[in-house]
Amino acid sequence: MTGTVTQGGADAAGAASLSEDVGGGTLANGKATIVLDKQLASTLDGDYRVFVTAEGDSNGLFVSRKGRDGFDVQEQRSGTSNLAFSYRVVRSRGGSPERNGAQSGRPALGDRKDVQPPSPPPPPEAGQRDTRNAPKATGRSVPTES
């Protein structure tokens, strides 16, 4: 069984490089199918992002299927909740190289010559306590275990 669907706008005003859709649905026994706006769906090839947010207590939600026509949402851990959720679908028009995982032309941080990684702290001297991962002092006294 699939849940109910309410839907928002098909295109974000002022965001020339993005197509998006927002809306909501309701899980029925832990599952829902969202059918996308036909105008938006005609531009999709399955390469889009879906962000879902439960609007009530649940085991968590995930997108179990994405297709050109829409997507399926399920509750985690084989949940069977009947609850509302909201979603946002985003697809980059024209495909930015950075968003598609290609090289951006900028060097990776590890390849930059003008940025040096910090030096690790030296190990403690013999007989001294290792405080390299200890919280920094804040000037407040903190109770210690005896």
N, C-alpha and C. Protein backbone atom coordinates (compact mmCIF):
# COMPACT_ATOMS: atom_id res chain seq x y z
N MET A 1 0.85 -1.17 0.00
CA MET A 1 0.00 0.00 0.00
C MET A 1 0.89 1.23 0.00
N THR A 2 0.48 2.27 -0.71
CA THR A 2 1.28 3.49 -0.75
C THR A 2 0.57 4.60 -0.01
N GLY A 3 1.36 5.60 0.41
CA GLY A 3 0.82 6.71 1.17
C GLY A 3 0.21 7.78 0.29
N THR A 4 -0.30 8.81 0.93
CA THR A 4 -0.89 9.93 0.21
C THR A 4 0.18 10.95 -0.13
N VAL A 5 -0.11 11.79 -1.12
CA VAL A 5 0.87 12.75 -1.60
C VAL A 5 0.27 14.14 -1.70
N THR A 6 1.03 15.14 -1.22
CA THR A 6 0.73 16.53 -1.51
C THR A 6 1.99 17.11 -2.12
N GLN A 7 1.86 18.05 -3.02
CA GLN A 7 3.02 18.48 -3.78
C GLN A 7 3.10 19.98 -3.90
N GLY A 8 4.35 20.49 -3.99
CA GLY A 8 4.59 21.92 -4.12
C GLY A 8 5.00 22.29 -5.53
N GLY A 9 5.80 23.38 -5.64
CA GLY A 9 6.20 23.91 -6.93
C GLY A 9 7.21 23.05 -7.65
N ALA A 10 7.28 23.22 -8.96
CA ALA A 10 8.16 22.39 -9.78
C ALA A 10 9.51 23.03 -10.05
N ASP A 11 9.64 24.33 -9.86
CA ASP A 11 10.91 24.97 -10.18
C ASP A 11 11.19 26.07 -9.17
N ALA A 12 12.40 26.12 -8.68
CA ALA A 12 12.77 27.13 -7.69
C ALA A 12 13.02 28.46 -8.39
N ALA A 13 12.30 29.48 -8.00
CA ALA A 13 12.48 30.80 -8.58
C ALA A 13 13.86 31.34 -8.22
N GLY A 14 14.54 31.91 -9.19
CA GLY A 14 15.83 32.52 -8.93
C GLY A 14 16.98 31.54 -8.84
N ALA A 15 16.74 30.26 -8.99
CA ALA A 15 17.82 29.28 -8.93
C ALA A 15 17.98 28.68 -10.32
N ALA A 16 18.62 29.43 -11.21
CA ALA A 16 18.70 29.04 -12.61
C ALA A 16 19.40 27.71 -12.82
N SER A 17 20.26 27.30 -11.89
CA SER A 17 21.00 26.06 -12.11
C SER A 17 20.37 24.86 -11.43
N LEU A 18 19.22 25.05 -10.76
CA LEU A 18 18.60 23.93 -10.05
C LEU A 18 17.17 23.73 -10.47
N SER A 19 16.75 22.48 -10.51
CA SER A 19 15.34 22.14 -10.59
C SER A 19 15.02 21.52 -9.25
N GLU A 20 13.87 21.87 -8.69
CA GLU A 20 13.53 21.27 -7.41
C GLU A 20 12.03 21.13 -7.26
N ASP A 21 11.67 20.26 -6.36
CA ASP A 21 10.27 20.04 -6.04
C ASP A 21 10.20 19.81 -4.54
N VAL A 22 9.19 20.33 -3.90
CA VAL A 22 8.99 20.11 -2.48
C VAL A 22 7.57 19.62 -2.27
N GLY A 23 7.38 18.88 -1.23
CA GLY A 23 6.05 18.38 -0.94
C GLY A 23 6.05 17.52 0.29
N GLY A 24 5.01 16.72 0.40
CA GLY A 24 4.89 15.85 1.55
C GLY A 24 4.12 14.61 1.20
N GLY A 25 4.17 13.68 2.08
CA GLY A 25 3.45 12.43 1.90
C GLY A 25 3.14 11.84 3.26
N THR A 26 2.50 10.70 3.24
CA THR A 26 2.17 10.00 4.47
C THR A 26 2.52 8.54 4.31
N LEU A 27 3.31 8.03 5.24
CA LEU A 27 3.60 6.60 5.24
C LEU A 27 2.32 5.83 5.57
N ALA A 28 2.10 4.75 4.87
CA ALA A 28 1.02 3.82 5.18
C ALA A 28 1.69 2.48 5.45
N ASN A 29 1.64 2.03 6.69
CA ASN A 29 2.33 0.79 7.09
C ASN A 29 3.82 0.85 6.76
N GLY A 30 4.41 2.03 6.96
CA GLY A 30 5.86 2.19 6.80
C GLY A 30 6.34 2.44 5.39
N LYS A 31 5.43 2.65 4.41
CA LYS A 31 5.86 2.85 3.02
C LYS A 31 5.03 3.93 2.34
N ALA A 32 5.65 4.61 1.37
CA ALA A 32 4.94 5.59 0.55
C ALA A 32 5.62 5.68 -0.81
N THR A 33 4.84 6.00 -1.83
CA THR A 33 5.37 6.26 -3.16
C THR A 33 5.02 7.69 -3.52
N ILE A 34 6.01 8.46 -3.95
CA ILE A 34 5.81 9.84 -4.35
C ILE A 34 5.93 9.91 -5.87
N VAL A 35 4.92 10.45 -6.52
CA VAL A 35 4.94 10.66 -7.96
C VAL A 35 5.31 12.13 -8.18
N LEU A 36 6.38 12.35 -8.93
CA LEU A 36 6.88 13.71 -9.14
C LEU A 36 6.04 14.47 -10.15
N ASP A 37 6.09 15.79 -10.04
CA ASP A 37 5.47 16.68 -11.01
C ASP A 37 5.94 16.29 -12.41
N LYS A 38 5.01 16.20 -13.35
CA LYS A 38 5.35 15.73 -14.71
C LYS A 38 6.39 16.61 -15.39
N GLN A 39 6.32 17.92 -15.18
CA GLN A 39 7.29 18.82 -15.80
C GLN A 39 8.70 18.54 -15.27
N LEU A 40 8.82 18.38 -13.97
CA LEU A 40 10.13 18.08 -13.38
C LEU A 40 10.58 16.68 -13.80
N ALA A 41 9.68 15.71 -13.73
CA ALA A 41 10.03 14.32 -14.05
C ALA A 41 10.55 14.20 -15.48
N SER A 42 10.06 15.04 -16.40
CA SER A 42 10.52 14.96 -17.79
C SER A 42 11.97 15.37 -17.95
N THR A 43 12.54 16.07 -16.95
CA THR A 43 13.94 16.49 -17.03
C THR A 43 14.88 15.55 -16.29
N LEU A 44 14.33 14.59 -15.55
CA LEU A 44 15.16 13.72 -14.70
C LEU A 44 15.59 12.47 -15.44
N ASP A 45 16.74 11.98 -15.08
CA ASP A 45 17.21 10.70 -15.60
C ASP A 45 17.54 9.76 -14.43
N GLY A 46 16.98 10.04 -13.27
CA GLY A 46 17.26 9.24 -12.08
C GLY A 46 18.40 9.81 -11.26
N ASP A 47 19.09 10.85 -11.78
CA ASP A 47 20.21 11.46 -11.07
C ASP A 47 19.74 12.72 -10.36
N TYR A 48 19.16 12.53 -9.18
CA TYR A 48 18.70 13.65 -8.38
C TYR A 48 18.83 13.27 -6.91
N ARG A 49 18.71 14.25 -6.05
CA ARG A 49 18.81 14.03 -4.61
C ARG A 49 17.45 14.19 -3.98
N VAL A 50 17.16 13.36 -2.99
CA VAL A 50 15.91 13.44 -2.25
C VAL A 50 16.25 13.59 -0.77
N PHE A 51 15.64 14.57 -0.13
CA PHE A 51 15.81 14.79 1.30
C PHE A 51 14.45 14.60 1.95
N VAL A 52 14.35 13.64 2.86
CA VAL A 52 13.08 13.37 3.54
C VAL A 52 13.21 13.65 5.03
N THR A 53 12.13 14.17 5.61
CA THR A 53 12.10 14.47 7.03
C THR A 53 10.79 13.96 7.62
N ALA A 54 10.90 13.09 8.60
CA ALA A 54 9.71 12.58 9.28
C ALA A 54 9.09 13.70 10.09
N GLU A 55 7.77 13.75 10.12
CA GLU A 55 7.06 14.76 10.90
C GLU A 55 6.37 14.09 12.08
N GLY A 56 7.11 13.22 12.71
CA GLY A 56 6.63 12.50 13.89
C GLY A 56 7.68 11.49 14.30
N ASP A 57 7.44 10.82 15.40
CA ASP A 57 8.37 9.82 15.92
C ASP A 57 8.39 8.61 14.98
N SER A 58 9.58 8.17 14.62
CA SER A 58 9.73 7.02 13.72
C SER A 58 11.07 6.36 13.96
N ASN A 59 11.30 5.27 13.25
CA ASN A 59 12.60 4.60 13.27
C ASN A 59 13.58 5.26 12.30
N GLY A 60 13.15 6.32 11.63
CA GLY A 60 13.95 6.96 10.59
C GLY A 60 13.40 6.58 9.24
N LEU A 61 13.65 7.42 8.23
CA LEU A 61 13.14 7.19 6.88
C LEU A 61 14.30 7.10 5.90
N PHE A 62 14.08 6.39 4.80
CA PHE A 62 15.07 6.35 3.74
C PHE A 62 14.37 6.24 2.40
N VAL A 63 15.08 6.63 1.33
CA VAL A 63 14.57 6.51 -0.02
C VAL A 63 14.98 5.14 -0.53
N SER A 64 14.00 4.30 -0.81
CA SER A 64 14.30 2.93 -1.21
C SER A 64 14.35 2.73 -2.72
N ARG A 65 13.80 3.69 -3.48
CA ARG A 65 13.83 3.61 -4.94
C ARG A 65 13.73 5.01 -5.50
N LYS A 66 14.56 5.30 -6.52
CA LYS A 66 14.46 6.56 -7.26
C LYS A 66 14.29 6.20 -8.72
N GLY A 67 13.33 6.81 -9.35
CA GLY A 67 13.12 6.60 -10.77
C GLY A 67 12.77 7.91 -11.44
N ARG A 68 12.60 7.85 -12.72
CA ARG A 68 12.29 9.04 -13.48
C ARG A 68 10.93 9.64 -13.10
N ASP A 69 10.01 8.79 -12.69
CA ASP A 69 8.65 9.24 -12.37
C ASP A 69 8.47 9.63 -10.91
N GLY A 70 9.33 9.16 -10.03
CA GLY A 70 9.19 9.45 -8.61
C GLY A 70 10.08 8.57 -7.77
N PHE A 71 9.73 8.43 -6.51
CA PHE A 71 10.57 7.67 -5.59
C PHE A 71 9.72 7.05 -4.50
N ASP A 72 10.30 6.06 -3.82
CA ASP A 72 9.64 5.38 -2.70
C ASP A 72 10.37 5.73 -1.41
N VAL A 73 9.62 5.89 -0.35
CA VAL A 73 10.15 6.17 0.98
C VAL A 73 9.71 5.03 1.89
N GLN A 74 10.62 4.57 2.74
CA GLN A 74 10.30 3.53 3.70
C GLN A 74 10.82 3.90 5.07
N GLU A 75 10.18 3.33 6.08
CA GLU A 75 10.67 3.50 7.44
C GLU A 75 11.76 2.46 7.69
N GLN A 76 12.79 2.88 8.38
CA GLN A 76 13.90 1.97 8.70
C GLN A 76 13.45 0.88 9.65
N ARG A 77 14.25 -0.18 9.71
CA ARG A 77 14.05 -1.31 10.61
C ARG A 77 12.68 -1.97 10.40
N SER A 78 12.25 -2.01 9.13
CA SER A 78 10.97 -2.63 8.76
C SER A 78 9.80 -2.04 9.53
N GLY A 79 9.89 -0.74 9.83
CA GLY A 79 8.84 -0.06 10.58
C GLY A 79 7.51 -0.06 9.84
N THR A 80 6.44 0.09 10.58
CA THR A 80 5.09 0.09 10.02
C THR A 80 4.30 1.33 10.41
N SER A 81 5.00 2.44 10.65
CA SER A 81 4.34 3.67 11.09
C SER A 81 3.44 4.25 10.00
N ASN A 82 2.44 4.97 10.44
CA ASN A 82 1.57 5.76 9.58
C ASN A 82 1.79 7.20 10.00
N LEU A 83 2.70 7.90 9.33
CA LEU A 83 3.02 9.26 9.73
C LEU A 83 3.35 10.12 8.53
N ALA A 84 3.21 11.42 8.71
CA ALA A 84 3.49 12.38 7.65
C ALA A 84 5.00 12.62 7.55
N PHE A 85 5.44 12.99 6.35
CA PHE A 85 6.82 13.39 6.12
C PHE A 85 6.84 14.46 5.05
N SER A 86 7.92 15.23 5.03
CA SER A 86 8.10 16.21 3.97
C SER A 86 9.33 15.80 3.17
N TYR A 87 9.40 16.30 1.93
CA TYR A 87 10.55 15.97 1.08
C TYR A 87 10.94 17.17 0.23
N ARG A 88 12.17 17.10 -0.24
CA ARG A 88 12.70 18.07 -1.20
C ARG A 88 13.50 17.27 -2.21
N VAL A 89 13.21 17.47 -3.47
CA VAL A 89 13.94 16.83 -4.57
C VAL A 89 14.73 17.92 -5.27
N VAL A 90 16.02 17.69 -5.51
CA VAL A 90 16.88 18.68 -6.15
C VAL A 90 17.68 18.00 -7.25
N ARG A 91 17.72 18.65 -8.40
CA ARG A 91 18.56 18.18 -9.51
C ARG A 91 19.27 19.38 -10.11
N SER A 92 20.56 19.26 -10.33
CA SER A 92 21.33 20.32 -10.96
C SER A 92 21.08 20.28 -12.46
N ARG A 93 20.68 21.42 -13.05
CA ARG A 93 20.50 21.49 -14.51
C ARG A 93 21.84 21.71 -15.16
N GLY A 94 22.14 20.96 -16.19
CA GLY A 94 23.39 21.12 -16.91
C GLY A 94 24.56 20.45 -16.23
N GLY A 95 24.42 20.06 -14.99
CA GLY A 95 25.44 19.29 -14.30
C GLY A 95 26.71 20.06 -14.03
N SER A 96 26.86 20.59 -12.85
CA SER A 96 28.10 21.23 -12.44
C SER A 96 29.17 20.15 -12.28
N PRO A 97 30.38 20.34 -12.81
CA PRO A 97 31.42 19.32 -12.68
C PRO A 97 31.71 18.97 -11.23
N GLU A 98 31.68 19.97 -10.33
CA GLU A 98 31.96 19.67 -8.92
C GLU A 98 30.89 18.77 -8.33
N ARG A 99 29.64 19.01 -8.66
CA ARG A 99 28.56 18.21 -8.10
C ARG A 99 28.53 16.81 -8.71
N ASN A 100 29.05 16.65 -9.89
CA ASN A 100 29.03 15.33 -10.52
C ASN A 100 30.29 14.53 -10.22
N GLY A 101 31.14 15.01 -9.32
CA GLY A 101 32.30 14.26 -8.89
C GLY A 101 33.53 14.46 -9.76
N ALA A 102 33.45 15.30 -10.78
CA ALA A 102 34.60 15.53 -11.65
C ALA A 102 35.53 16.56 -10.99
N GLN A 103 36.70 16.73 -11.56
CA GLN A 103 37.66 17.69 -11.03
C GLN A 103 37.13 19.10 -11.16
N SER A 104 37.33 19.92 -10.15
CA SER A 104 36.84 21.29 -10.16
C SER A 104 37.87 22.27 -10.70
N GLY A 105 39.08 21.82 -10.90
CA GLY A 105 40.14 22.73 -11.33
C GLY A 105 40.91 23.30 -10.15
N ARG A 106 40.37 23.19 -8.95
CA ARG A 106 41.07 23.64 -7.75
C ARG A 106 41.88 22.48 -7.20
N PRO A 107 43.08 22.74 -6.69
CA PRO A 107 43.86 21.63 -6.13
C PRO A 107 43.23 21.13 -4.84
N ALA A 108 43.35 19.85 -4.61
CA ALA A 108 42.89 19.28 -3.34
C ALA A 108 43.74 19.85 -2.22
N LEU A 109 43.18 19.94 -1.03
CA LEU A 109 43.90 20.53 0.10
C LEU A 109 45.27 19.88 0.30
N GLY A 110 45.35 18.56 0.15
CA GLY A 110 46.62 17.86 0.34
C GLY A 110 47.66 18.19 -0.72
N ASP A 111 47.21 18.72 -1.88
CA ASP A 111 48.13 19.06 -2.97
C ASP A 111 48.57 20.52 -2.95
N ARG A 112 47.99 21.31 -2.06
CA ARG A 112 48.33 22.73 -2.03
C ARG A 112 49.70 22.92 -1.39
N LYS A 113 50.49 23.81 -1.97
CA LYS A 113 51.83 24.09 -1.46
C LYS A 113 51.82 25.22 -0.44
N ASP A 114 50.74 26.05 -0.43
CA ASP A 114 50.69 27.20 0.47
C ASP A 114 50.08 26.86 1.83
N VAL A 115 49.62 25.63 2.01
CA VAL A 115 49.02 25.23 3.28
C VAL A 115 49.79 24.02 3.82
N GLN A 116 50.35 24.19 4.99
CA GLN A 116 51.09 23.10 5.61
C GLN A 116 50.24 22.46 6.69
N PRO A 117 50.18 21.14 6.76
CA PRO A 117 49.40 20.51 7.83
C PRO A 117 50.05 20.78 9.18
N PRO A 118 49.24 20.85 10.22
CA PRO A 118 49.82 21.09 11.55
C PRO A 118 50.67 19.92 12.00
N SER A 119 51.68 20.22 12.79
CA SER A 119 52.54 19.17 13.33
C SER A 119 51.83 18.51 14.51
N PRO A 120 51.94 17.20 14.63
CA PRO A 120 51.32 16.54 15.77
C PRO A 120 52.08 16.89 17.05
N PRO A 121 51.38 16.87 18.19
CA PRO A 121 52.08 17.16 19.44
C PRO A 121 53.08 16.06 19.76
N PRO A 122 54.16 16.41 20.45
CA PRO A 122 55.17 15.39 20.76
C PRO A 122 54.62 14.40 21.79
N PRO A 123 55.14 13.19 21.78
CA PRO A 123 54.70 12.20 22.78
C PRO A 123 55.15 12.63 24.17
N PRO A 124 54.47 12.14 25.21
CA PRO A 124 54.84 12.53 26.57
C PRO A 124 56.22 11.95 26.94
N GLU A 125 56.87 12.63 27.87
CA GLU A 125 58.16 12.13 28.37
C GLU A 125 57.90 10.90 29.23
N ALA A 126 58.92 10.11 29.41
CA ALA A 126 58.79 8.89 30.21
C ALA A 126 58.24 9.22 31.59
N GLY A 127 57.22 8.48 32.03
CA GLY A 127 56.63 8.67 33.34
C GLY A 127 55.55 9.74 33.38
N GLN A 128 55.34 10.47 32.29
CA GLN A 128 54.34 11.53 32.26
C GLN A 128 53.02 10.99 31.66
N ARG A 129 51.92 11.61 32.03
CA ARG A 129 50.61 11.21 31.53
C ARG A 129 50.42 11.73 30.10
N ASP A 130 49.82 10.91 29.23
CA ASP A 130 49.57 11.31 27.84
C ASP A 130 48.31 12.18 27.80
N THR A 131 48.47 13.46 27.50
CA THR A 131 47.34 14.39 27.47
C THR A 131 47.08 14.93 26.06
N ARG A 132 47.60 14.25 25.05
CA ARG A 132 47.44 14.76 23.69
C ARG A 132 45.98 14.80 23.24
N ASN A 133 45.15 13.90 23.68
CA ASN A 133 43.73 13.90 23.30
C ASN A 133 42.83 14.40 24.41
N ALA A 134 43.39 14.96 25.46
CA ALA A 134 42.60 15.47 26.58
C ALA A 134 41.95 16.79 26.18
N PRO A 135 40.78 17.11 26.77
CA PRO A 135 40.14 18.39 26.48
C PRO A 135 41.04 19.55 26.88
N LYS A 136 40.93 20.64 26.15
CA LYS A 136 41.72 21.83 26.45
C LYS A 136 41.22 22.48 27.74
N ALA A 137 42.12 23.08 28.48
CA ALA A 137 41.76 23.77 29.73
C ALA A 137 40.90 24.98 29.41
N THR A 138 39.83 25.17 30.20
CA THR A 138 38.92 26.31 29.98
C THR A 138 39.02 27.33 31.08
N GLY A 139 39.83 27.09 32.09
CA GLY A 139 39.95 28.00 33.20
C GLY A 139 38.95 27.66 34.32
N ARG A 140 38.02 26.74 34.04
CA ARG A 140 37.08 26.30 35.06
C ARG A 140 37.61 25.00 35.68
N SER A 141 37.34 24.82 36.96
CA SER A 141 37.80 23.58 37.57
C SER A 141 36.81 22.47 37.24
N VAL A 142 37.34 21.32 36.95
CA VAL A 142 36.54 20.15 36.57
C VAL A 142 36.81 19.07 37.58
N PRO A 143 35.75 18.48 38.16
CA PRO A 143 36.00 17.41 39.13
C PRO A 143 36.70 16.22 38.46
N THR A 144 37.59 15.62 39.19
CA THR A 144 38.30 14.45 38.66
C THR A 144 37.95 13.24 39.50
N GLU A 145 38.06 12.07 38.88
CA GLU A 145 37.80 10.83 39.61
C GLU A 145 38.99 10.48 40.49
N SER A 146 38.71 9.94 41.67
CA SER A 146 39.80 9.58 42.59
C SER A 146 40.05 8.11 42.53
